């Protein structure tokens, strides 16, 4: 009986260490995290602005599993090749360029402010491709 008691205390101590290690770190009290990423075809909790894209994507690698990314900004490129539409935004200053590959331009023009969301890939640090992608004017966006 005397040997069981120390073993029981050791087991409790090991379990406590394991449980403490499994608890996720506390979030900052500054408010919700800015996360422009979401599971495929889901709305992200936050839509990035062009000036935030580099910071919000700095540690995000393109993975084997699709993840969607959303950003709002003025269009710098609108091109339709009879099959696909290419909508480009961001890219001024140090902001990475974002290219949305979709099926129609919906009469969007260079300078229009749009929200794009789609499958995230990052060919290089200054270029993000969203394919497939949906684009809409912010006043058309649904929550």
C-alpha atoms as a PDB file:
ATOM      1  CA  UNK A   1       0.000   0.000   0.000  1.00  0.00           C
ATOM      2  CA  UNK A   2       2.839   2.341   0.749  1.00  0.00           C
ATOM      3  CA  UNK A   3       4.276   1.890  -2.792  1.00  0.00           C
ATOM      4  CA  UNK A   4       0.958   2.553  -4.535  1.00  0.00           C
ATOM      5  CA  UNK A   5       0.475   5.935  -2.981  1.00  0.00           C
ATOM      6  CA  UNK A   6       3.675   7.543  -4.463  1.00  0.00           C
ATOM      7  CA  UNK A   7       2.888   5.927  -7.840  1.00  0.00           C
ATOM      8  CA  UNK A   8      -0.571   7.468  -7.799  1.00  0.00           C
ATOM      9  CA  UNK A   9       0.913  10.922  -7.080  1.00  0.00           C
ATOM     10  CA  UNK A  10       3.430  10.467  -9.894  1.00  0.00           C
ATOM     11  CA  UNK A  11       0.659   9.463 -12.311  1.00  0.00           C
ATOM     12  CA  UNK A  12      -1.393  12.543 -11.350  1.00  0.00           C
ATOM     13  CA  UNK A  13       1.632  14.790 -11.826  1.00  0.00           C
ATOM     14  CA  UNK A  14       2.316  13.312 -15.290  1.00  0.00           C
ATOM     15  CA  UNK A  15      -1.342  13.744 -16.291  1.00  0.00           C
ATOM     16  CA  UNK A  16      -1.328  17.362 -15.091  1.00  0.00           C
ATOM     17  CA  UNK A  17       1.785  18.124 -17.169  1.00  0.00           C
ATOM     18  CA  UNK A  18       0.220  16.479 -20.236  1.00  0.00           C
ATOM     19  CA  UNK A  19      -3.028  18.405 -19.812  1.00  0.00           C
ATOM     20  CA  UNK A  20      -1.274  21.743 -19.330  1.00  0.00           C
ATOM     21  CA  UNK A  21       0.750  21.109 -22.498  1.00  0.00           C
ATOM     22  CA  UNK A  22      -2.455  20.392 -24.436  1.00  0.00           C
ATOM     23  CA  UNK A  23      -4.184  23.653 -23.516  1.00  0.00           C
ATOM     24  CA  UNK A  24      -3.933  26.193 -26.356  1.00  0.00           C
ATOM     25  CA  UNK A  25      -2.268  29.502 -25.494  1.00  0.00           C
ATOM     26  CA  UNK A  26      -4.570  32.288 -24.350  1.00  0.00           C
ATOM     27  CA  UNK A  27      -5.582  34.805 -27.020  1.00  0.00           C
ATOM     28  CA  UNK A  28      -4.706  38.458 -26.637  1.00  0.00           C
ATOM     29  CA  UNK A  29      -7.344  40.598 -25.000  1.00  0.00           C
ATOM     30  CA  UNK A  30      -7.206  43.133 -27.888  1.00  0.00           C
ATOM     31  CA  UNK A  31     -10.219  41.565 -29.625  1.00  0.00           C
ATOM     32  CA  UNK A  32     -10.735  38.885 -32.268  1.00  0.00           C
ATOM     33  CA  UNK A  33      -7.783  37.852 -34.397  1.00  0.00           C
ATOM     34  CA  UNK A  34      -7.683  39.163 -37.967  1.00  0.00           C
ATOM     35  CA  UNK A  35      -7.962  35.954 -39.970  1.00  0.00           C
ATOM     36  CA  UNK A  36      -8.697  36.311 -43.698  1.00  0.00           C
ATOM     37  CA  UNK A  37      -8.412  32.519 -44.179  1.00  0.00           C
ATOM     38  CA  UNK A  38     -11.281  30.016 -44.111  1.00  0.00           C
ATOM     39  CA  UNK A  39     -12.097  26.464 -45.064  1.00  0.00           C
ATOM     40  CA  UNK A  40     -13.058  26.060 -48.744  1.00  0.00           C
ATOM     41  CA  UNK A  41     -16.253  27.872 -49.745  1.00  0.00           C
ATOM     42  CA  UNK A  42     -16.705  29.330 -46.251  1.00  0.00           C
ATOM     43  CA  UNK A  43     -16.749  33.019 -45.297  1.00  0.00           C
ATOM     44  CA  UNK A  44     -13.641  34.119 -43.393  1.00  0.00           C
ATOM     45  CA  UNK A  45     -14.102  35.938 -40.107  1.00  0.00           C
ATOM     46  CA  UNK A  46     -12.158  38.901 -41.530  1.00  0.00           C
ATOM     47  CA  UNK A  47     -11.608  40.385 -45.000  1.00  0.00           C
ATOM     48  CA  UNK A  48      -8.086  41.707 -45.392  1.00  0.00           C
ATOM     49  CA  UNK A  49      -7.365  45.100 -46.933  1.00  0.00           C
ATOM     50  CA  UNK A  50      -4.520  45.377 -49.465  1.00  0.00           C
ATOM     51  CA  UNK A  51      -2.181  47.106 -46.992  1.00  0.00           C
ATOM     52  CA  UNK A  52      -2.606  44.150 -44.572  1.00  0.00           C
ATOM     53  CA  UNK A  53      -2.023  41.280 -47.001  1.00  0.00           C
ATOM     54  CA  UNK A  54       1.752  40.882 -46.550  1.00  0.00           C
ATOM     55  CA  UNK A  55       1.536  40.810 -42.750  1.00  0.00           C
ATOM     56  CA  UNK A  56      -1.524  38.540 -42.603  1.00  0.00           C
ATOM     57  CA  UNK A  57      -0.035  36.017 -45.052  1.00  0.00           C
ATOM     58  CA  UNK A  58       3.654  36.127 -44.067  1.00  0.00           C
ATOM     59  CA  UNK A  59       3.752  32.677 -42.435  1.00  0.00           C
ATOM     60  CA  UNK A  60       1.068  30.977 -44.565  1.00  0.00           C
ATOM     61  CA  UNK A  61       2.426  28.425 -46.989  1.00  0.00           C
ATOM     62  CA  UNK A  62       0.485  26.874 -49.833  1.00  0.00           C
ATOM     63  CA  UNK A  63      -0.483  23.433 -48.594  1.00  0.00           C
ATOM     64  CA  UNK A  64      -1.813  20.230 -50.069  1.00  0.00           C
ATOM     65  CA  UNK A  65      -5.253  21.059 -48.657  1.00  0.00           C
ATOM     66  CA  UNK A  66      -7.197  23.997 -50.087  1.00  0.00           C
ATOM     67  CA  UNK A  67      -7.712  27.004 -47.878  1.00  0.00           C
ATOM     68  CA  UNK A  68      -9.543  30.138 -48.967  1.00  0.00           C
ATOM     69  CA  UNK A  69      -8.309  33.702 -48.577  1.00  0.00           C
ATOM     70  CA  UNK A  70     -10.313  36.942 -48.829  1.00  0.00           C
ATOM     71  CA  UNK A  71      -9.207  40.508 -49.541  1.00  0.00           C
ATOM     72  CA  UNK A  72     -10.941  43.770 -50.420  1.00  0.00           C
ATOM     73  CA  UNK A  73      -9.386  46.473 -52.583  1.00  0.00           C
ATOM     74  CA  UNK A  74      -9.565  48.422 -55.847  1.00  0.00           C
ATOM     75  CA  UNK A  75      -9.109  46.495 -59.086  1.00  0.00           C
ATOM     76  CA  UNK A  76      -5.872  47.191 -60.961  1.00  0.00           C
ATOM     77  CA  UNK A  77      -6.507  44.610 -63.716  1.00  0.00           C
ATOM     78  CA  UNK A  78      -9.637  43.265 -65.407  1.00  0.00           C
ATOM     79  CA  UNK A  79      -9.064  40.831 -68.285  1.00  0.00           C
ATOM     80  CA  UNK A  80     -11.335  38.273 -69.947  1.00  0.00           C
ATOM     81  CA  UNK A  81      -9.884  35.778 -72.456  1.00  0.00           C
ATOM     82  CA  UNK A  82     -13.239  34.319 -73.608  1.00  0.00           C
ATOM     83  CA  UNK A  83     -12.924  31.514 -71.069  1.00  0.00           C
ATOM     84  CA  UNK A  84     -11.558  32.907 -67.812  1.00  0.00           C
ATOM     85  CA  UNK A  85     -11.607  36.297 -66.150  1.00  0.00           C
ATOM     86  CA  UNK A  86      -8.536  37.615 -64.360  1.00  0.00           C
ATOM     87  CA  UNK A  87      -9.061  40.250 -61.700  1.00  0.00           C
ATOM     88  CA  UNK A  88      -5.965  41.795 -60.171  1.00  0.00           C
ATOM     89  CA  UNK A  89      -5.810  43.891 -57.055  1.00  0.00           C
ATOM     90  CA  UNK A  90      -3.363  45.147 -54.474  1.00  0.00           C
ATOM     91  CA  UNK A  91       0.324  45.257 -55.437  1.00  0.00           C
ATOM     92  CA  UNK A  92       1.046  48.920 -54.753  1.00  0.00           C
ATOM     93  CA  UNK A  93       4.052  49.733 -52.608  1.00  0.00           C
ATOM     94  CA  UNK A  94       5.151  46.624 -50.738  1.00  0.00           C
ATOM     95  CA  UNK A  95       1.757  44.897 -51.002  1.00  0.00           C
ATOM     96  CA  UNK A  96       1.774  41.537 -52.811  1.00  0.00           C
ATOM     97  CA  UNK A  97      -0.296  41.396 -55.988  1.00  0.00           C
ATOM     98  CA  UNK A  98      -3.453  39.281 -55.757  1.00  0.00           C
ATOM     99  CA  UNK A  99      -4.896  37.606 -58.858  1.00  0.00           C
ATOM    100  CA  UNK A 100      -8.451  36.252 -58.759  1.00  0.00           C
ATOM    101  CA  UNK A 101      -9.140  33.624 -61.449  1.00  0.00           C
ATOM    102  CA  UNK A 102     -12.870  33.399 -62.133  1.00  0.00           C
ATOM    103  CA  UNK A 103     -15.338  32.911 -64.989  1.00  0.00           C
ATOM    104  CA  UNK A 104     -16.791  36.382 -65.578  1.00  0.00           C
ATOM    105  CA  UNK A 105     -16.024  40.021 -64.902  1.00  0.00           C
ATOM    106  CA  UNK A 106     -19.614  40.966 -63.909  1.00  0.00           C
ATOM    107  CA  UNK A 107     -18.998  44.360 -65.558  1.00  0.00           C
ATOM    108  CA  UNK A 108     -16.307  45.166 -63.000  1.00  0.00           C
ATOM    109  CA  UNK A 109     -13.848  47.818 -64.119  1.00  0.00           C
ATOM    110  CA  UNK A 110     -10.364  48.923 -63.104  1.00  0.00           C
ATOM    111  CA  UNK A 111     -10.761  51.109 -60.017  1.00  0.00           C
ATOM    112  CA  UNK A 112     -13.880  49.349 -58.707  1.00  0.00           C
ATOM    113  CA  UNK A 113     -13.513  48.225 -55.097  1.00  0.00           C
ATOM    114  CA  UNK A 114     -14.223  44.493 -54.856  1.00  0.00           C
ATOM    115  CA  UNK A 115     -13.980  41.659 -52.376  1.00  0.00           C
ATOM    116  CA  UNK A 116     -12.396  38.497 -53.733  1.00  0.00           C
ATOM    117  CA  UNK A 117     -12.220  35.113 -52.038  1.00  0.00           C
ATOM    118  CA  UNK A 118     -10.853  31.828 -53.278  1.00  0.00           C
ATOM    119  CA  UNK A 119      -8.362  28.990 -53.109  1.00  0.00           C
ATOM    120  CA  UNK A 120      -5.062  30.428 -51.841  1.00  0.00           C
ATOM    121  CA  UNK A 121      -1.700  29.736 -53.463  1.00  0.00           C
ATOM    122  CA  UNK A 122       1.519  31.719 -53.259  1.00  0.00           C
ATOM    123  CA  UNK A 123       3.897  31.244 -56.216  1.00  0.00           C
ATOM    124  CA  UNK A 124       6.290  33.763 -54.630  1.00  0.00           C
ATOM    125  CA  UNK A 125       6.382  36.274 -51.782  1.00  0.00           C
ATOM    126  CA  UNK A 126       5.024  39.102 -53.973  1.00  0.00           C
ATOM    127  CA  UNK A 127       2.236  37.240 -55.763  1.00  0.00           C
ATOM    128  CA  UNK A 128      -0.914  35.474 -54.521  1.00  0.00           C
ATOM    129  CA  UNK A 129      -3.288  33.536 -56.779  1.00  0.00           C
ATOM    130  CA  UNK A 130      -6.881  32.786 -55.760  1.00  0.00           C
ATOM    131  CA  UNK A 131      -8.223  29.955 -57.928  1.00  0.00           C
ATOM    132  CA  UNK A 132     -11.089  29.210 -58.021  1.00  0.00           C
ATOM    133  CA  UNK A 133     -12.205  32.646 -56.954  1.00  0.00           C
ATOM    134  CA  UNK A 134     -15.389  34.648 -56.525  1.00  0.00           C
ATOM    135  CA  UNK A 135     -15.493  38.431 -56.784  1.00  0.00           C
ATOM    136  CA  UNK A 136     -18.199  40.814 -55.692  1.00  0.00           C
ATOM    137  CA  UNK A 137     -18.620  44.420 -54.828  1.00  0.00           C
ATOM    138  CA  UNK A 138     -18.565  44.941 -51.041  1.00  0.00           C
ATOM    139  CA  UNK A 139     -22.181  46.133 -51.025  1.00  0.00           C
ATOM    140  CA  UNK A 140     -23.129  42.757 -52.593  1.00  0.00           C
ATOM    141  CA  UNK A 141     -21.160  40.756 -50.019  1.00  0.00           C
ATOM    142  CA  UNK A 142     -23.162  38.535 -47.725  1.00  0.00           C
ATOM    143  CA  UNK A 143     -22.250  37.860 -44.141  1.00  0.00           C
END
